[in-house]
Protein backbone atom coordinates (compact mmCIF):
# COMPACT_ATOMS: atom_id res chain seq x y z
CA MET A 1 0.00 -0.04 0.00
CA VAL A 2 1.25 3.42 -0.94
CA VAL A 3 0.67 6.37 1.40
CA GLU A 4 0.68 9.71 -0.12
CA SER A 5 1.18 12.67 1.87
CA LYS A 6 -0.30 16.33 0.86
CA ARG A 7 0.90 19.31 2.46
CA VAL A 8 -1.20 22.26 3.53
CA VAL A 9 -0.57 25.54 2.79
CA VAL A 10 -1.68 29.07 3.75
CA ILE A 11 -1.81 32.46 1.88
CA ALA A 12 -2.21 35.28 4.25
CA SER A 13 -1.71 38.81 4.66
CA LYS A 14 1.56 39.64 6.21
CA ASP A 15 -0.33 41.01 9.27
CA ASN A 16 -2.30 37.81 9.78
CA ALA A 17 0.42 35.18 9.19
CA HIS A 18 1.75 34.86 12.51
CA PHE A 19 -1.99 33.83 13.77
CA TYR A 20 -1.74 30.83 11.38
CA ARG A 21 1.78 29.64 12.85
CA LEU A 22 0.01 29.82 16.36
CA LEU A 23 -2.90 27.52 14.56
CA GLY A 24 -0.24 25.33 13.99
CA PHE A 25 0.44 25.57 10.28
CA SER A 26 4.08 25.34 8.97
CA GLU A 27 3.83 26.53 5.54
CA ILE A 28 2.53 30.27 5.53
CA TYR A 29 2.86 32.67 2.71
CA GLY A 30 2.52 36.41 4.07
CA VAL A 31 1.67 38.74 1.12
CA SER A 32 1.37 42.38 1.01
CA ALA A 33 0.05 42.96 -2.56
CA SER A 34 -2.96 40.94 -4.39
CA SER A 35 -0.51 40.63 -7.54
CA GLU A 36 1.81 38.69 -5.07
CA ALA A 37 -0.81 36.17 -3.99
CA LEU A 38 -2.09 35.71 -7.52
CA SER A 39 1.27 34.64 -8.55
CA LEU A 40 1.61 32.47 -5.65
CA LEU A 41 -1.56 30.82 -6.17
CA ARG A 42 -0.62 29.81 -9.92
CA ASP A 43 2.48 28.49 -8.88
CA LEU A 44 1.08 26.27 -5.81
CA LYS A 45 -1.67 24.95 -8.16
CA SER A 46 0.78 23.34 -10.22
CA LYS A 47 2.45 21.28 -7.32
CA ARG A 48 1.12 17.65 -7.10
CA ASP A 49 2.30 17.47 -3.34
CA ILE A 50 0.11 20.22 -2.12
CA GLY A 51 -3.35 19.13 -1.01
CA VAL A 52 -5.12 22.12 0.33
CA VAL A 53 -4.39 25.79 0.17
CA LEU A 54 -6.04 28.03 2.57
CA VAL A 55 -6.67 31.94 1.29
CA GLU A 56 -8.09 34.45 3.31
CA GLU A 57 -11.35 35.76 1.81
CA SER A 58 -10.30 39.35 1.78
CA ILE A 59 -7.34 38.49 -0.77
CA THR A 60 -9.52 36.51 -3.26
CA ARG A 61 -12.08 39.43 -3.02
CA SER A 62 -9.35 41.74 -3.99
CA LEU A 63 -8.42 39.40 -6.90
CA GLY A 64 -11.87 39.25 -7.83
CA LEU A 65 -11.73 35.23 -7.62
CA ASP A 66 -14.42 33.04 -6.10
CA PHE A 67 -14.34 29.28 -5.15
CA ALA A 68 -15.40 28.01 -8.36
CA ASP A 69 -12.38 30.33 -10.16
CA LEU A 70 -9.85 28.84 -7.72
CA ASN A 71 -11.10 25.09 -7.91
CA GLU A 72 -11.46 24.77 -11.52
CA LYS A 73 -9.19 22.18 -12.56
CA GLY A 74 -8.39 18.71 -10.78
CA LEU A 75 -8.81 17.57 -7.56
CA THR A 76 -5.92 18.93 -5.87
CA PRO A 77 -4.84 21.18 -4.66
CA HIS A 78 -8.27 22.23 -3.15
CA ILE A 79 -8.29 25.97 -2.37
CA VAL A 80 -10.37 26.79 0.80
CA ILE A 81 -11.42 30.48 1.40
CA VAL A 82 -11.07 31.46 5.00
CA PRO A 83 -13.15 34.50 6.57
CA ASP A 84 -10.72 36.95 7.83
CA THR A 85 -12.63 40.28 8.47
CA ARG A 86 -14.94 41.23 11.18
CA GLU A 87 -17.89 41.25 8.81
CA ALA A 88 -16.86 37.64 7.41
CA LEU A 89 -16.50 36.51 10.83
CA ALA A 90 -19.85 37.93 12.36
CA ARG A 91 -21.94 35.61 9.60
CA ASP A 92 -23.67 32.66 10.55
CA PRO A 93 -20.80 29.80 10.93
CA ASN A 94 -23.34 27.01 9.74
CA LEU A 95 -24.34 28.88 6.71
CA TYR A 96 -20.77 29.54 6.08
CA TYR A 97 -20.00 25.70 6.05
CA ARG A 98 -22.89 24.55 4.52
CA ARG A 99 -21.89 26.56 1.55
CA LEU A 100 -18.53 25.22 1.64
CA VAL A 101 -19.61 21.80 1.68
CA LEU A 102 -22.37 22.11 -1.03
CA ARG A 103 -19.42 23.74 -3.30
CA VAL A 104 -17.06 20.84 -2.56
CA ILE A 105 -19.27 17.94 -3.02
CA GLY A 106 -21.89 19.54 -4.93
CA TYR A 107 -24.88 18.54 -2.46
CA GLU A 108 -26.31 20.65 0.36
CA VAL A 109 -26.48 19.03 3.66
CA SER A 110 -28.50 19.76 6.72
CA ALA A 111 -28.13 19.12 10.37
């Protein structure tokens, strides 16, 4: 049996990068410009050893990208948009995760 290990990568603003380190993530890219984030996303999407890329929502908004744009080709790496503003964090978490599951698997789930 072959066990394949995939990395989890975080793209965050330079101001927030230390929070992800505190959460235990080891591969964090702190960006200061949206063009830097877009270049990094393109590079990471081509790597086969990455399973998930967490990207702060404010970064994806500044790029004008949404979930479908970021996950258009292939199964991995899977791009997950992470809420990072007060407005985003104030939203109902159940609604956020229900939408995330719907986008990922294509079916709505209910509790």
